[in-house]
Amino acid sequence: MEELLIAIAKGLVEDKNAITVDKDAPNEEGIVVYHLHVASDDMGRVIGKQGKIARAIRVVMRAGAGRINERIMVEID
């Protein structure tokens, strides 16, 4: 799942070397939280107007996680 999130982010940002993904352990509800970090100049590109791109990233990630029976959440930092 981390590779999928990095691949999506690489297509959106200019500074591809600044992309990092941190993964938390599953919480009590079994949800794994992925934290996407990008350069501050690229935050607008990843979030998009009114958060549309961020919402789309989350939808794609949830769909991918559903295929492997995992529950996830994506936070963009």
PDB file of N, CA and C in Angstrom:
ATOM      1  N   MET A   1       0.815  -1.182   0.000  1.00  0.00           N
ATOM      2  CA  MET A   1       0.000   0.000   0.000  1.00  0.00           C
ATOM      3  C   MET A   1       0.869   1.261   0.000  1.00  0.00           C
ATOM      4  N   GLU A   2       1.996   1.190   0.679  1.00  0.00           N
ATOM      5  CA  GLU A   2       2.886   2.352   0.700  1.00  0.00           C
ATOM      6  C   GLU A   2       3.388   2.671  -0.706  1.00  0.00           C
ATOM      7  N   GLU A   3       3.691   1.644  -1.478  1.00  0.00           N
ATOM      8  CA  GLU A   3       4.183   1.856  -2.833  1.00  0.00           C
ATOM      9  C   GLU A   3       3.122   2.515  -3.708  1.00  0.00           C
ATOM     10  N   LEU A   4       1.868   2.122  -3.532  1.00  0.00           N
ATOM     11  CA  LEU A   4       0.772   2.726  -4.287  1.00  0.00           C
ATOM     12  C   LEU A   4       0.631   4.204  -3.950  1.00  0.00           C
ATOM     13  N   LEU A   5       0.704   4.537  -2.677  1.00  0.00           N
ATOM     14  CA  LEU A   5       0.590   5.930  -2.253  1.00  0.00           C
ATOM     15  C   LEU A   5       1.753   6.765  -2.781  1.00  0.00           C
ATOM     16  N   ILE A   6       2.941   6.217  -2.757  1.00  0.00           N
ATOM     17  CA  ILE A   6       4.111   6.929  -3.284  1.00  0.00           C
ATOM     18  C   ILE A   6       3.980   7.115  -4.790  1.00  0.00           C
ATOM     19  N   ALA A   7       3.508   6.099  -5.500  1.00  0.00           N
ATOM     20  CA  ALA A   7       3.348   6.204  -6.952  1.00  0.00           C
ATOM     21  C   ALA A   7       2.325   7.273  -7.317  1.00  0.00           C
ATOM     22  N   ILE A   8       1.240   7.353  -6.575  1.00  0.00           N
ATOM     23  CA  ILE A   8       0.233   8.382  -6.831  1.00  0.00           C
ATOM     24  C   ILE A   8       0.829   9.763  -6.586  1.00  0.00           C
ATOM     25  N   ALA A   9       1.532   9.916  -5.474  1.00  0.00           N
ATOM     26  CA  ALA A   9       2.105  11.217  -5.112  1.00  0.00           C
ATOM     27  C   ALA A   9       3.171  11.655  -6.107  1.00  0.00           C
ATOM     28  N   LYS A  10       3.963  10.719  -6.605  1.00  0.00           N
ATOM     29  CA  LYS A  10       5.015  11.080  -7.564  1.00  0.00           C
ATOM     30  C   LYS A  10       4.446  11.682  -8.834  1.00  0.00           C
ATOM     31  N   GLY A  11       3.259  11.274  -9.212  1.00  0.00           N
ATOM     32  CA  GLY A  11       2.627  11.823 -10.395  1.00  0.00           C
ATOM     33  C   GLY A  11       2.097  13.235 -10.193  1.00  0.00           C
ATOM     34  N   LEU A  12       2.019  13.680  -8.952  1.00  0.00           N
ATOM     35  CA  LEU A  12       1.431  14.981  -8.661  1.00  0.00           C
ATOM     36  C   LEU A  12       2.440  16.066  -8.306  1.00  0.00           C
ATOM     37  N   VAL A  13       3.559  15.689  -7.709  1.00  0.00           N
ATOM     38  CA  VAL A  13       4.480  16.690  -7.157  1.00  0.00           C
ATOM     39  C   VAL A  13       5.667  16.949  -8.072  1.00  0.00           C
ATOM     40  N   GLU A  14       6.343  18.067  -7.814  1.00  0.00           N
ATOM     41  CA  GLU A  14       7.563  18.380  -8.552  1.00  0.00           C
ATOM     42  C   GLU A  14       8.793  17.810  -7.842  1.00  0.00           C
ATOM     43  N   ASP A  15       8.834  17.917  -6.506  1.00  0.00           N
ATOM     44  CA  ASP A  15       9.978  17.438  -5.731  1.00  0.00           C
ATOM     45  C   ASP A  15       9.713  15.996  -5.293  1.00  0.00           C
ATOM     46  N   LYS A  16      10.048  15.058  -6.162  1.00  0.00           N
ATOM     47  CA  LYS A  16       9.763  13.648  -5.902  1.00  0.00           C
ATOM     48  C   LYS A  16      10.613  13.070  -4.780  1.00  0.00           C
ATOM     49  N   ASN A  17      11.755  13.683  -4.492  1.00  0.00           N
ATOM     50  CA  ASN A  17      12.632  13.188  -3.431  1.00  0.00           C
ATOM     51  C   ASN A  17      12.103  13.517  -2.043  1.00  0.00           C
ATOM     52  N   ALA A  18      11.175  14.454  -1.940  1.00  0.00           N
ATOM     53  CA  ALA A  18      10.648  14.861  -0.640  1.00  0.00           C
ATOM     54  C   ALA A  18       9.472  13.998  -0.187  1.00  0.00           C
ATOM     55  N   ILE A  19       9.062  13.039  -0.997  1.00  0.00           N
ATOM     56  CA  ILE A  19       7.909  12.205  -0.644  1.00  0.00           C
ATOM     57  C   ILE A  19       8.343  11.139   0.361  1.00  0.00           C
ATOM     58  N   THR A  20       7.631  11.094   1.474  1.00  0.00           N
ATOM     59  CA  THR A  20       7.826  10.022   2.445  1.00  0.00           C
ATOM     60  C   THR A  20       6.457   9.558   2.928  1.00  0.00           C
ATOM     61  N   VAL A  21       6.390   8.299   3.309  1.00  0.00           N
ATOM     62  CA  VAL A  21       5.149   7.726   3.831  1.00  0.00           C
ATOM     63  C   VAL A  21       5.478   7.009   5.134  1.00  0.00           C
ATOM     64  N   ASP A  22       4.749   7.369   6.186  1.00  0.00           N
ATOM     65  CA  ASP A  22       4.870   6.690   7.475  1.00  0.00           C
ATOM     66  C   ASP A  22       3.605   5.875   7.697  1.00  0.00           C
ATOM     67  N   LYS A  23       3.767   4.723   8.319  1.00  0.00           N
ATOM     68  CA  LYS A  23       2.631   3.823   8.547  1.00  0.00           C
ATOM     69  C   LYS A  23       2.515   3.569  10.045  1.00  0.00           C
ATOM     70  N   ASP A  24       1.334   3.832  10.602  1.00  0.00           N
ATOM     71  CA  ASP A  24       1.079   3.544  12.010  1.00  0.00           C
ATOM     72  C   ASP A  24       0.605   2.105  12.166  1.00  0.00           C
ATOM     73  N   ALA A  25       0.782   1.591  13.358  1.00  0.00           N
ATOM     74  CA  ALA A  25       0.245   0.267  13.665  1.00  0.00           C
ATOM     75  C   ALA A  25      -1.278   0.354  13.703  1.00  0.00           C
ATOM     76  N   PRO A  26      -1.968  -0.738  13.438  1.00  0.00           N
ATOM     77  CA  PRO A  26      -3.438  -0.707  13.476  1.00  0.00           C
ATOM     78  C   PRO A  26      -3.950  -0.271  14.847  1.00  0.00           C
ATOM     79  N   ASN A  27      -4.963   0.588  14.849  1.00  0.00           N
ATOM     80  CA  ASN A  27      -5.530   1.029  16.119  1.00  0.00           C
ATOM     81  C   ASN A  27      -6.521  -0.011  16.633  1.00  0.00           C
ATOM     82  N   GLU A  28      -7.269   0.323  17.682  1.00  0.00           N
ATOM     83  CA  GLU A  28      -8.179  -0.651  18.288  1.00  0.00           C
ATOM     84  C   GLU A  28      -9.304  -1.085  17.349  1.00  0.00           C
ATOM     85  N   GLU A  29      -9.594  -0.271  16.322  1.00  0.00           N
ATOM     86  CA  GLU A  29     -10.615  -0.631  15.343  1.00  0.00           C
ATOM     87  C   GLU A  29     -10.027  -1.365  14.139  1.00  0.00           C
ATOM     88  N   GLY A  30      -8.724  -1.558  14.122  1.00  0.00           N
ATOM     89  CA  GLY A  30      -8.069  -2.262  13.026  1.00  0.00           C
ATOM     90  C   GLY A  30      -7.745  -1.384  11.837  1.00  0.00           C
ATOM     91  N   ILE A  31      -7.772  -0.073  12.014  1.00  0.00           N
ATOM     92  CA  ILE A  31      -7.500   0.862  10.923  1.00  0.00           C
ATOM     93  C   ILE A  31      -6.028   1.250  10.940  1.00  0.00           C
ATOM     94  N   VAL A  32      -5.369   1.116   9.798  1.00  0.00           N
ATOM     95  CA  VAL A  32      -3.971   1.509   9.641  1.00  0.00           C
ATOM     96  C   VAL A  32      -3.947   2.916   9.047  1.00  0.00           C
ATOM     97  N   VAL A  33      -3.185   3.815   9.667  1.00  0.00           N
ATOM     98  CA  VAL A  33      -3.110   5.194   9.194  1.00  0.00           C
ATOM     99  C   VAL A  33      -1.790   5.384   8.449  1.00  0.00           C
ATOM    100  N   TYR A  34      -1.898   5.866   7.201  1.00  0.00           N
ATOM    101  CA  TYR A  34      -0.729   6.206   6.399  1.00  0.00           C
ATOM    102  C   TYR A  34      -0.589   7.723   6.391  1.00  0.00           C
ATOM    103  N   HIS A  35       0.608   8.218   6.682  1.00  0.00           N
ATOM    104  CA  HIS A  35       0.885   9.653   6.687  1.00  0.00           C
ATOM    105  C   HIS A  35       1.747   9.973   5.469  1.00  0.00           C
ATOM    106  N   LEU A  36       1.208  10.749   4.554  1.00  0.00           N
ATOM    107  CA  LEU A  36       1.932  11.168   3.353  1.00  0.00           C
ATOM    108  C   LEU A  36       2.567  12.526   3.609  1.00  0.00           C
ATOM    109  N   HIS A  37       3.874  12.613   3.447  1.00  0.00           N
ATOM    110  CA  HIS A  37       4.603  13.867   3.625  1.00  0.00           C
ATOM    111  C   HIS A  37       5.177  14.283   2.274  1.00  0.00           C
ATOM    112  N   VAL A  38       4.912  15.525   1.883  1.00  0.00           N
ATOM    113  CA  VAL A  38       5.472  16.086   0.654  1.00  0.00           C
ATOM    114  C   VAL A  38       6.075  17.441   0.990  1.00  0.00           C
ATOM    115  N   ALA A  39       6.818  18.014   0.049  1.00  0.00           N
ATOM    116  CA  ALA A  39       7.401  19.333   0.249  1.00  0.00           C
ATOM    117  C   ALA A  39       6.285  20.362   0.416  1.00  0.00           C
ATOM    118  N   SER A  40       6.563  21.403   1.160  1.00  0.00           N
ATOM    119  CA  SER A  40       5.529  22.415   1.425  1.00  0.00           C
ATOM    120  C   SER A  40       5.051  23.089   0.143  1.00  0.00           C
ATOM    121  N   ASP A  41       5.922  23.210  -0.859  1.00  0.00           N
ATOM    122  CA  ASP A  41       5.526  23.813  -2.134  1.00  0.00           C
ATOM    123  C   ASP A  41       4.550  22.923  -2.908  1.00  0.00           C
ATOM    124  N   ASP A  42       4.557  21.626  -2.628  1.00  0.00           N
ATOM    125  CA  ASP A  42       3.708  20.683  -3.355  1.00  0.00           C
ATOM    126  C   ASP A  42       2.409  20.340  -2.632  1.00  0.00           C
ATOM    127  N   MET A  43       2.185  20.904  -1.453  1.00  0.00           N
ATOM    128  CA  MET A  43       0.972  20.579  -0.691  1.00  0.00           C
ATOM    129  C   MET A  43      -0.296  20.913  -1.476  1.00  0.00           C
ATOM    130  N   GLY A  44      -0.307  22.043  -2.145  1.00  0.00           N
ATOM    131  CA  GLY A  44      -1.476  22.439  -2.924  1.00  0.00           C
ATOM    132  C   GLY A  44      -1.765  21.490  -4.060  1.00  0.00           C
ATOM    133  N   ARG A  45      -0.728  20.945  -4.651  1.00  0.00           N
ATOM    134  CA  ARG A  45      -0.906  19.998  -5.749  1.00  0.00           C
ATOM    135  C   ARG A  45      -1.520  18.687  -5.253  1.00  0.00           C
ATOM    136  N   VAL A  46      -1.148  18.275  -4.064  1.00  0.00           N
ATOM    137  CA  VAL A  46      -1.637  17.006  -3.522  1.00  0.00           C
ATOM    138  C   VAL A  46      -3.056  17.165  -2.965  1.00  0.00           C
ATOM    139  N   ILE A  47      -3.351  18.310  -2.396  1.00  0.00           N
ATOM    140  CA  ILE A  47      -4.675  18.525  -1.816  1.00  0.00           C
ATOM    141  C   ILE A  47      -5.683  18.899  -2.895  1.00  0.00           C
ATOM    142  N   GLY A  48      -5.306  19.777  -3.804  1.00  0.00           N
ATOM    143  CA  GLY A  48      -6.192  20.170  -4.893  1.00  0.00           C
ATOM    144  C   GLY A  48      -7.227  21.188  -4.449  1.00  0.00           C
ATOM    145  N   LYS A  49      -7.964  21.700  -5.404  1.00  0.00           N
ATOM    146  CA  LYS A  49      -9.005  22.679  -5.105  1.00  0.00           C
ATOM    147  C   LYS A  49     -10.112  22.009  -4.303  1.00  0.00           C
ATOM    148  N   GLN A  50     -10.433  22.607  -3.184  1.00  0.00           N
ATOM    149  CA  GLN A  50     -11.467  22.112  -2.269  1.00  0.00           C
ATOM    150  C   GLN A  50     -11.218  20.670  -1.836  1.00  0.00           C
ATOM    151  N   GLY A  51      -9.953  20.231  -1.874  1.00  0.00           N
ATOM    152  CA  GLY A  51      -9.607  18.901  -1.397  1.00  0.00           C
ATOM    153  C   GLY A  51      -9.997  17.767  -2.320  1.00  0.00           C
ATOM    154  N   LYS A  52     -10.269  18.075  -3.581  1.00  0.00           N
ATOM    155  CA  LYS A  52     -10.736  17.029  -4.503  1.00  0.00           C
ATOM    156  C   LYS A  52      -9.672  15.984  -4.798  1.00  0.00           C
ATOM    157  N   ILE A  53      -8.436  16.398  -4.969  1.00  0.00           N
ATOM    158  CA  ILE A  53      -7.376  15.420  -5.268  1.00  0.00           C
ATOM    159  C   ILE A  53      -7.094  14.566  -4.038  1.00  0.00           C
ATOM    160  N   ALA A  54      -7.070  15.188  -2.863  1.00  0.00           N
ATOM    161  CA  ALA A  54      -6.855  14.430  -1.627  1.00  0.00           C
ATOM    162  C   ALA A  54      -7.967  13.404  -1.440  1.00  0.00           C
ATOM    163  N   ARG A  55      -9.198  13.787  -1.715  1.00  0.00           N
ATOM    164  CA  ARG A  55     -10.331  12.869  -1.605  1.00  0.00           C
ATOM    165  C   ARG A  55     -10.173  11.716  -2.588  1.00  0.00           C
ATOM    166  N   ALA A  56      -9.728  12.010  -3.804  1.00  0.00           N
ATOM    167  CA  ALA A  56      -9.540  10.963  -4.816  1.00  0.00           C
ATOM    168  C   ALA A  56      -8.426   9.997  -4.403  1.00  0.00           C
ATOM    169  N   ILE A  57      -7.356  10.535  -3.824  1.00  0.00           N
ATOM    170  CA  ILE A  57      -6.263   9.677  -3.332  1.00  0.00           C
ATOM    171  C   ILE A  57      -6.802   8.720  -2.285  1.00  0.00           C
ATOM    172  N   ARG A  58      -7.600   9.241  -1.371  1.00  0.00           N
ATOM    173  CA  ARG A  58      -8.156   8.398  -0.303  1.00  0.00           C
ATOM    174  C   ARG A  58      -9.081   7.317  -0.859  1.00  0.00           C
ATOM    175  N   VAL A  59      -9.863   7.648  -1.875  1.00  0.00           N
ATOM    176  CA  VAL A  59     -10.767   6.667  -2.480  1.00  0.00           C
ATOM    177  C   VAL A  59      -9.968   5.540  -3.136  1.00  0.00           C
ATOM    178  N   VAL A  60      -8.937   5.892  -3.880  1.00  0.00           N
ATOM    179  CA  VAL A  60      -8.114   4.878  -4.543  1.00  0.00           C
ATOM    180  C   VAL A  60      -7.411   3.996  -3.513  1.00  0.00           C
ATOM    181  N   MET A  61      -6.895   4.611  -2.464  1.00  0.00           N
ATOM    182  CA  MET A  61      -6.203   3.840  -1.432  1.00  0.00           C
ATOM    183  C   MET A  61      -7.164   2.896  -0.701  1.00  0.00           C
ATOM    184  N   ARG A  62      -8.375   3.366  -0.395  1.00  0.00           N
ATOM    185  CA  ARG A  62      -9.355   2.501   0.267  1.00  0.00           C
ATOM    186  C   ARG A  62      -9.756   1.339  -0.627  1.00  0.00           C
ATOM    187  N   ALA A  63      -9.876   1.609  -1.919  1.00  0.00           N
ATOM    188  CA  ALA A  63     -10.216   0.534  -2.851  1.00  0.00           C
ATOM    189  C   ALA A  63      -9.104  -0.503  -2.901  1.00  0.00           C
ATOM    190  N   GLY A  64      -7.859  -0.052  -2.936  1.00  0.00           N
ATOM    191  CA  GLY A  64      -6.732  -0.979  -2.942  1.00  0.00           C
ATOM    192  C   GLY A  64      -6.649  -1.772  -1.653  1.00  0.00           C
ATOM    193  N   ALA A  65      -6.938  -1.116  -0.534  1.00  0.00           N
ATOM    194  CA  ALA A  65      -6.890  -1.799   0.757  1.00  0.00           C
ATOM    195  C   ALA A  65      -8.016  -2.824   0.873  1.00  0.00           C
ATOM    196  N   GLY A  66      -9.148  -2.530   0.280  1.00  0.00           N
ATOM    197  CA  GLY A  66     -10.261  -3.475   0.305  1.00  0.00           C
ATOM    198  C   GLY A  66      -9.927  -4.777  -0.391  1.00  0.00           C
ATOM    199  N   ARG A  67      -9.079  -4.694  -1.391  1.00  0.00           N
ATOM    200  CA  ARG A  67      -8.687  -5.910  -2.126  1.00  0.00           C
ATOM    201  C   ARG A  67      -7.854  -6.849  -1.269  1.00  0.00           C
ATOM    202  N   ILE A  68      -7.149  -6.300  -0.275  1.00  0.00           N
ATOM    203  CA  ILE A  68      -6.316  -7.139   0.602  1.00  0.00           C
ATOM    204  C   ILE A  68      -6.899  -7.221   2.011  1.00  0.00           C
ATOM    205  N   ASN A  69      -8.189  -6.878   2.132  1.00  0.00           N
ATOM    206  CA  ASN A  69      -8.911  -6.946   3.409  1.00  0.00           C
ATOM    207  C   ASN A  69      -8.225  -6.157   4.516  1.00  0.00           C
ATOM    208  N   GLU A  70      -7.879  -4.938   4.222  1.00  0.00           N
ATOM    209  CA  GLU A  70      -7.248  -4.052   5.187  1.00  0.00           C
ATOM    210  C   GLU A  70      -8.080  -2.764   5.261  1.00  0.00           C
ATOM    211  N   ARG A  71      -8.177  -2.193   6.426  1.00  0.00           N
ATOM    212  CA  ARG A  71      -8.869  -0.927   6.598  1.00  0.00           C
ATOM    213  C   ARG A  71      -7.815   0.149   6.817  1.00  0.00           C
ATOM    214  N   ILE A  72      -7.884   1.214   6.000  1.00  0.00           N
ATOM    215  CA  ILE A  72      -6.853   2.243   6.070  1.00  0.00           C
ATOM    216  C   ILE A  72      -7.467   3.632   6.122  1.00  0.00           C
ATOM    217  N   MET A  73      -6.595   4.582   6.469  1.00  0.00           N
ATOM    218  CA  MET A  73      -6.914   5.993   6.428  1.00  0.00           C
ATOM    219  C   MET A  73      -5.649   6.698   5.940  1.00  0.00           C
ATOM    220  N   VAL A  74      -5.798   7.737   5.122  1.00  0.00           N
ATOM    221  CA  VAL A  74      -4.650   8.477   4.605  1.00  0.00           C
ATOM    222  C   VAL A  74      -4.711   9.900   5.131  1.00  0.00           C
ATOM    223  N   GLU A  75      -3.618  10.332   5.752  1.00  0.00           N
ATOM    224  CA  GLU A  75      -3.484  11.711   6.199  1.00  0.00           C
ATOM    225  C   GLU A  75      -2.359  12.358   5.418  1.00  0.00           C
ATOM    226  N   ILE A  76      -2.606  13.577   4.973  1.00  0.00           N
ATOM    227  CA  ILE A  76      -1.594  14.305   4.208  1.00  0.00           C
ATOM    228  C   ILE A  76      -1.006  15.380   5.107  1.00  0.00           C
ATOM    229  N   ASP A  77       0.289  15.257   5.370  1.00  0.00           N
ATOM    230  CA  ASP A  77       0.979  16.182   6.271  1.00  0.00           C
ATOM    231  C   ASP A  77       1.943  17.054   5.496  1.00  0.00           C
TER     232      ASP A  77
END
